[in-house]
Amino acid sequence: MDRSDLISDIAERKLVSRLCGIFSQDECGSIMAGAGKDDCAVLDVSDEDCMVITTDMLHRKTDFPVVMTPWQIGWMSAAVNLSDVASMGAKPVGFLSALGVTNDMQLGDAEDISRGMDACAKFCDTSVIGGDIDLHDELTITGTALGMVKKEHLLRRTGVKPGDLVCVTGNAGSAGAALLAIQHDLDVSDELLNTLLEPVPRTDEGQKLAKTGAVTSMMDTSDGLAMSLYDLMDANSIGFRIYEDQIPIDDEVRSLVGDDDALDLALYTGGDFELLFTVSPSMLEAAKSVCYLNVVGEVTDDTLITMINREDAEVSIYRKGYVHLGRFDNI
């Protein structure tokens, strides 16, 4: 058998691109952004408004750490989808879930998963509005989130301009550090663990940033800071210069693994579900007025992604991060 025919030998983003190329394009013009273009698909629903839609599938073995409670599994299943809605500047308006349960699952666990989903949806000012359930050989949860946004406020991955500032909400690498702590039984705070186990969708920040008019592009960092930068580079044919001393890394992460490994976690591990966005320099104060953010770099006019390190040397940031087909991708 030709190895090139195996799914396991194809990088996730290459597989997504290949499959999206098969899908027919909309002929009536109602699809503003289709498969593979952004964190969400975008539908034109009125003269002023559009709807964003996203879906994600999670599995017991690969996506839920062993220490995760059923409630946290439910929260996570909603959060990963609502984070995509946040990255488009949209207000969540509903969450659906298809739940594949196992024969030996306790009824109480299924109820707690549902409670976790409900809690995350409520946190994002929406609710669970439906779904499906069936038997499966492994706990599998597929979520679908819907959002609404004014067309003038819709944020996309495209729109970046050379000279724009690169910003992130929250810290980078905390979820990766939490996973490392779980895998190696390291003593860390519940606050750090919960960055992985109970990620917070930045839906409020996304909506507020969108309304400022300051943001020129945005996506979430679920696959890691480096991979997200490469996604924006590919969408815009621009580059980035990032500054090591401006990347926000939690002090506990630095204490846990040291500065060098903390930087690797910040760049190359996912699960933080923060927002990565670019801002016009003249509008930075407007963006700062609505949410906490860190400026980590600037947009350049080449297609390179580099970092100025603490020794003031320019080094490459690699195209590497968390993906679902295999734990890490380097393409």
Protein backbone atom coordinates (compact mmCIF):
# COMPACT_ATOMS: atom_id res chain seq x y z
CA MET A 1 0.00 0.00 0.00
CA ASP A 2 1.26 3.49 -0.87
CA ARG A 3 2.06 5.29 2.38
CA SER A 4 0.88 8.54 0.82
CA ASP A 5 -2.67 7.15 0.96
CA LEU A 6 -2.67 6.97 4.77
CA ILE A 7 -4.39 9.73 6.75
CA SER A 8 -1.79 9.34 9.50
CA ASP A 9 0.95 10.48 7.09
CA ILE A 10 -0.77 13.74 6.14
CA ALA A 11 -0.34 16.88 8.24
CA GLU A 12 -3.64 18.12 9.65
CA ARG A 13 -3.69 21.46 7.85
CA LYS A 14 -2.78 19.82 4.55
CA LEU A 15 -5.61 17.33 5.01
CA VAL A 16 -8.08 20.11 5.83
CA SER A 17 -7.00 22.05 2.73
CA ARG A 18 -7.30 18.95 0.54
CA LEU A 19 -10.80 18.09 1.76
CA CYS A 20 -12.03 21.69 1.61
CA GLY A 21 -10.99 21.77 -2.04
CA ILE A 22 -13.61 19.09 -2.74
CA PHE A 23 -16.56 21.06 -1.37
CA SER A 24 -18.70 23.02 -3.83
CA GLN A 25 -18.78 26.78 -3.50
CA ASP A 26 -22.06 28.51 -2.71
CA GLU A 27 -23.81 29.79 -5.82
CA CYS A 28 -26.38 32.06 -4.23
CA GLY A 29 -23.88 34.22 -2.35
CA SER A 30 -25.07 33.53 1.19
CA ILE A 31 -21.70 32.11 2.31
CA MET A 32 -19.30 34.92 3.18
CA ALA A 33 -16.57 32.54 4.38
CA GLY A 34 -16.68 28.83 3.71
CA ALA A 35 -14.80 25.72 4.79
CA GLY A 36 -11.22 26.26 5.94
CA LYS A 37 -11.18 30.04 5.57
CA ASP A 38 -11.47 31.11 9.22
CA ASP A 39 -12.12 29.81 12.72
CA CYS A 40 -15.82 29.81 11.76
CA ALA A 41 -17.86 29.70 8.59
CA VAL A 42 -19.76 32.95 7.98
CA LEU A 43 -23.29 33.22 6.58
CA ASP A 44 -24.93 36.38 5.27
CA VAL A 45 -28.30 36.54 7.06
CA SER A 46 -29.42 40.17 6.60
CA ASP A 47 -28.30 43.55 5.33
CA GLU A 48 -26.54 44.28 8.62
CA ASP A 49 -25.86 40.93 10.29
CA CYS A 50 -24.06 37.67 9.68
CA MET A 51 -23.98 34.34 11.48
CA VAL A 52 -20.81 32.45 12.37
CA ILE A 53 -20.83 28.66 12.80
CA THR A 54 -18.13 26.28 14.01
CA THR A 55 -17.81 22.64 15.05
CA ASP A 56 -15.20 20.60 16.92
CA MET A 57 -14.88 16.92 17.85
CA LEU A 58 -13.21 15.76 21.07
CA HIS A 59 -12.30 12.25 22.27
CA ARG A 60 -11.70 10.73 25.69
CA LYS A 61 -8.22 9.37 24.92
CA THR A 62 -6.70 12.26 23.00
CA ASP A 63 -8.44 15.40 24.25
CA PHE A 64 -9.44 14.89 27.89
CA PRO A 65 -6.60 14.44 30.43
CA VAL A 66 -7.17 11.56 32.83
CA VAL A 67 -7.64 13.93 35.79
CA MET A 68 -10.51 15.74 34.07
CA THR A 69 -13.87 15.45 35.78
CA PRO A 70 -17.05 14.87 33.75
CA TRP A 71 -18.09 18.47 34.50
CA GLN A 72 -14.78 19.73 33.11
CA ILE A 73 -15.19 17.52 30.03
CA GLY A 74 -18.52 19.19 29.38
CA TRP A 75 -17.09 22.66 29.96
CA MET A 76 -14.16 21.95 27.61
CA SER A 77 -16.47 20.61 24.89
CA ALA A 78 -18.38 23.88 24.83
CA ALA A 79 -15.35 26.13 25.37
CA VAL A 80 -13.38 24.97 22.32
CA ASN A 81 -16.29 25.91 20.06
CA LEU A 82 -17.23 29.14 21.79
CA SER A 83 -13.61 30.26 21.56
CA ASP A 84 -13.90 30.10 17.77
CA VAL A 85 -17.00 32.28 17.92
CA ALA A 86 -15.06 34.73 20.09
CA SER A 87 -12.30 34.99 17.50
CA MET A 88 -14.78 36.33 14.93
CA GLY A 89 -15.96 39.12 17.24
CA ALA A 90 -19.39 37.48 17.46
CA LYS A 91 -21.90 37.07 20.25
CA PRO A 92 -22.69 33.39 20.95
CA VAL A 93 -26.36 32.57 20.31
CA GLY A 94 -26.46 28.82 20.88
CA PHE A 95 -24.51 25.60 21.39
CA LEU A 96 -25.39 22.08 20.18
CA SER A 97 -23.68 18.83 21.04
CA ALA A 98 -23.63 15.29 19.67
CA LEU A 99 -22.63 13.01 22.54
CA GLY A 100 -21.24 9.54 21.87
CA VAL A 101 -21.42 7.67 25.19
CA THR A 102 -20.08 4.24 26.14
CA ASN A 103 -22.13 1.34 27.49
CA ASP A 104 -20.35 1.45 30.83
CA MET A 105 -20.74 5.19 31.47
CA GLN A 106 -22.52 6.12 34.68
CA LEU A 107 -25.69 8.16 34.26
CA GLY A 108 -24.34 10.67 36.77
CA ASP A 109 -21.25 11.25 34.62
CA ALA A 110 -23.38 11.99 31.55
CA GLU A 111 -25.43 14.43 33.63
CA ASP A 112 -22.27 16.15 34.91
CA ILE A 113 -20.94 16.48 31.35
CA SER A 114 -24.21 18.20 30.46
CA ARG A 115 -23.94 20.47 33.51
CA GLY A 116 -20.44 21.47 32.46
CA MET A 117 -21.60 22.32 28.95
CA ASP A 118 -24.48 24.33 30.40
CA ALA A 119 -22.17 26.25 32.75
CA CYS A 120 -19.78 27.22 29.94
CA ALA A 121 -22.64 28.26 27.67
CA LYS A 122 -24.14 30.39 30.46
CA PHE A 123 -20.73 31.97 31.12
CA CYS A 124 -20.71 33.03 27.46
CA ASP A 125 -24.26 34.39 27.75
CA THR A 126 -25.90 31.67 25.68
CA SER A 127 -27.36 28.19 26.20
CA VAL A 128 -27.34 24.60 24.98
CA ILE A 129 -30.11 24.41 22.39
CA GLY A 130 -30.01 20.78 21.18
CA GLY A 131 -27.95 17.92 19.86
CA ASP A 132 -27.87 14.14 19.57
CA ILE A 133 -26.78 11.11 21.57
CA ASP A 134 -25.72 7.58 20.63
CA LEU A 135 -23.49 4.70 21.76
CA HIS A 136 -19.80 4.74 20.90
CA ASP A 137 -16.73 2.68 21.81
CA GLU A 138 -15.04 5.80 23.26
CA LEU A 139 -16.51 8.94 24.79
CA THR A 140 -16.75 11.31 21.82
CA ILE A 141 -18.27 14.78 21.88
CA THR A 142 -18.92 16.95 18.86
CA GLY A 143 -19.95 20.52 19.56
CA THR A 144 -21.39 23.19 17.28
CA ALA A 145 -21.53 26.85 18.26
CA LEU A 146 -23.46 29.66 16.59
CA GLY A 147 -22.82 33.38 16.85
CA MET A 148 -24.15 36.65 15.45
CA VAL A 149 -22.20 39.78 14.59
CA LYS A 150 -22.75 43.00 12.68
CA LYS A 151 -21.02 42.81 9.31
CA GLU A 152 -19.06 45.96 10.13
CA HIS A 153 -17.68 44.27 13.27
CA LEU A 154 -16.91 40.84 11.81
CA LEU A 155 -13.28 39.86 12.40
CA ARG A 156 -11.44 37.54 10.04
CA ARG A 157 -7.97 36.03 9.78
CA THR A 158 -7.39 38.30 6.78
CA GLY A 159 -6.88 42.05 6.91
CA VAL A 160 -3.39 42.29 8.41
CA LYS A 161 -1.16 45.16 7.24
CA PRO A 162 2.63 45.57 7.61
CA GLY A 163 3.28 47.78 10.62
CA ASP A 164 0.30 46.48 12.59
CA LEU A 165 1.00 45.42 16.16
CA VAL A 166 0.63 41.78 17.24
CA CYS A 167 -1.35 41.31 20.46
CA VAL A 168 -2.56 38.47 22.66
CA THR A 169 -4.97 38.21 25.55
CA GLY A 170 -3.85 36.34 28.68
CA ASN A 171 -0.74 34.19 28.98
CA ALA A 172 0.92 31.78 26.58
CA GLY A 173 2.01 28.26 27.49
CA SER A 174 0.00 27.86 30.68
CA ALA A 175 -2.16 25.01 29.38
CA GLY A 176 0.93 23.27 28.00
CA ALA A 177 2.62 23.57 31.39
CA ALA A 178 -0.49 22.19 33.10
CA LEU A 179 -0.47 19.16 30.80
CA LEU A 180 3.23 18.64 31.52
CA ALA A 181 2.51 18.77 35.25
CA ILE A 182 -0.25 16.17 34.90
CA GLN A 183 1.91 13.86 32.80
CA HIS A 184 4.83 14.03 35.26
CA ASP A 185 2.84 14.34 38.51
CA LEU A 186 4.29 17.77 39.32
CA ASP A 187 2.88 19.90 42.11
CA VAL A 188 1.23 22.99 40.64
CA SER A 189 -1.60 25.30 41.63
CA ASP A 190 -5.23 24.62 40.78
CA GLU A 191 -5.23 27.96 38.95
CA LEU A 192 -2.57 26.71 36.54
CA LEU A 193 -4.26 23.32 36.10
CA ASN A 194 -7.55 24.99 35.28
CA THR A 195 -6.05 26.87 32.33
CA LEU A 196 -6.03 23.42 30.70
CA LEU A 197 -9.03 21.78 32.36
CA GLU A 198 -11.43 24.75 32.32
CA PRO A 199 -10.32 27.09 29.50
CA VAL A 200 -12.15 30.41 29.37
CA PRO A 201 -13.52 31.42 25.95
CA ARG A 202 -12.73 35.10 25.36
CA THR A 203 -16.20 35.86 24.01
CA ASP A 204 -16.58 39.11 25.92
CA GLU A 205 -13.14 40.35 24.86
CA GLY A 206 -13.76 39.36 21.24
CA GLN A 207 -16.99 41.34 21.01
CA LYS A 208 -15.54 44.41 22.69
CA LEU A 209 -12.43 44.38 20.52
CA ALA A 210 -14.52 44.03 17.36
CA LYS A 211 -16.57 47.11 18.22
CA THR A 212 -13.48 49.31 18.64
CA GLY A 213 -12.58 49.07 14.96
CA ALA A 214 -8.96 48.71 16.02
CA VAL A 215 -8.47 45.04 15.11
CA THR A 216 -7.32 44.14 11.59
CA SER A 217 -7.34 40.33 12.04
CA MET A 218 -7.99 37.79 14.78
CA MET A 219 -8.01 34.08 15.61
CA ASP A 220 -7.66 31.99 18.75
CA THR A 221 -4.47 30.29 19.95
CA SER A 222 -5.90 26.83 20.60
CA ASP A 223 -3.15 25.22 18.48
CA GLY A 224 -0.37 27.32 19.98
CA LEU A 225 1.09 30.77 19.41
CA ALA A 226 3.58 29.74 16.72
CA MET A 227 1.10 27.72 14.65
CA SER A 228 -1.45 30.53 14.89
CA LEU A 229 1.11 33.05 13.63
CA TYR A 230 1.78 30.79 10.66
CA ASP A 231 -1.95 30.51 9.97
CA LEU A 232 -2.20 34.31 9.85
CA MET A 233 0.91 34.50 7.68
CA ASP A 234 -0.58 32.04 5.19
CA ALA A 235 -3.87 33.94 5.08
CA ASN A 236 -2.24 37.33 4.48
CA SER A 237 1.15 36.73 2.85
CA ILE A 238 2.91 38.81 5.48
CA GLY A 239 5.38 38.02 8.27
CA PHE A 240 5.89 38.69 11.96
CA ARG A 241 8.65 39.83 14.25
CA ILE A 242 7.98 38.74 17.84
CA TYR A 243 9.90 39.90 20.92
CA GLU A 244 10.75 37.23 23.48
CA ASP A 245 10.66 39.59 26.45
CA GLN A 246 7.12 40.68 25.54
CA ILE A 247 5.56 37.19 25.39
CA PRO A 248 3.35 36.88 28.50
CA ILE A 249 4.34 33.78 30.48
CA ASP A 250 3.00 33.06 33.97
CA ASP A 251 5.61 33.21 36.75
CA GLU A 252 4.53 29.76 37.96
CA VAL A 253 5.34 28.29 34.55
CA ARG A 254 8.82 29.85 34.61
CA SER A 255 9.39 28.51 38.12
CA LEU A 256 8.19 25.07 37.09
CA VAL A 257 10.35 24.51 34.00
CA GLY A 258 12.83 27.40 33.71
CA ASP A 259 12.90 30.25 31.21
CA ASP A 260 14.00 28.32 28.11
CA ASP A 261 11.42 25.55 28.43
CA ALA A 262 8.77 28.10 29.40
CA LEU A 263 9.41 29.88 26.10
CA ASP A 264 9.04 26.59 24.19
CA LEU A 265 5.74 25.95 25.96
CA ALA A 266 4.54 29.47 25.14
CA LEU A 267 5.37 29.13 21.45
CA TYR A 268 4.67 25.50 20.65
CA THR A 269 1.95 24.10 22.91
CA GLY A 270 -1.77 24.72 22.54
CA GLY A 271 -4.84 24.73 24.74
CA ASP A 272 -4.67 28.31 26.00
CA PHE A 273 -7.68 29.50 23.93
CA GLU A 274 -6.53 33.10 24.08
CA LEU A 275 -7.04 35.59 21.24
CA LEU A 276 -4.22 36.45 18.84
CA PHE A 277 -4.93 39.65 16.92
CA THR A 278 -3.37 42.50 15.02
CA VAL A 279 -4.07 46.15 15.73
CA SER A 280 -3.45 49.34 13.81
CA PRO A 281 -0.83 51.27 15.86
CA SER A 282 -2.97 54.40 15.95
CA MET A 283 -5.81 52.39 17.52
CA LEU A 284 -3.84 50.54 20.20
CA GLU A 285 -5.21 52.64 23.05
CA ALA A 286 -8.76 51.93 21.90
CA ALA A 287 -8.05 48.19 22.05
CA LYS A 288 -6.41 48.52 25.46
CA SER A 289 -9.46 50.36 26.78
CA VAL A 290 -11.73 47.32 26.39
CA CYS A 291 -9.59 44.37 27.51
CA TYR A 292 -6.27 43.29 28.97
CA LEU A 293 -3.75 42.57 26.23
CA ASN A 294 -0.04 42.25 25.59
CA VAL A 295 1.71 43.61 22.51
CA VAL A 296 4.16 40.86 21.52
CA GLY A 297 5.44 41.99 18.15
CA GLU A 298 4.78 43.62 14.81
CA VAL A 299 3.74 42.68 11.29
CA THR A 300 6.43 42.72 8.61
CA ASP A 301 6.19 42.81 4.81
CA ASP A 302 8.02 39.51 4.22
CA THR A 303 6.81 35.95 4.77
CA LEU A 304 9.09 35.14 7.68
CA ILE A 305 8.29 34.66 11.34
CA THR A 306 11.17 35.53 13.62
CA MET A 307 11.79 36.40 17.24
CA ILE A 308 14.18 38.90 18.80
CA ASN A 309 15.55 36.96 21.78
CA ARG A 310 16.93 38.26 25.05
CA GLU A 311 20.43 38.48 23.51
CA ASP A 312 18.97 40.81 20.84
CA ALA A 313 19.52 38.17 18.14
CA GLU A 314 16.89 37.40 15.50
CA VAL A 315 15.97 33.71 15.44
CA SER A 316 13.34 31.70 13.58
CA ILE A 317 10.02 30.64 15.08
CA TYR A 318 9.21 27.21 13.68
CA ARG A 319 5.94 26.05 12.14
CA LYS A 320 5.16 23.70 14.99
CA GLY A 321 2.34 23.29 17.46
CA TYR A 322 -0.56 21.20 18.70
CA VAL A 323 -2.69 19.42 16.09
CA HIS A 324 -5.34 16.73 16.35
CA LEU A 325 -3.80 14.26 13.91
CA GLY A 326 -0.83 13.34 16.09
CA ARG A 327 0.06 15.49 19.08
CA PHE A 328 2.41 17.89 17.29
CA ASP A 329 2.90 18.96 13.71
CA ASN A 330 5.99 20.40 12.06
CA ILE A 331 5.28 21.15 8.42
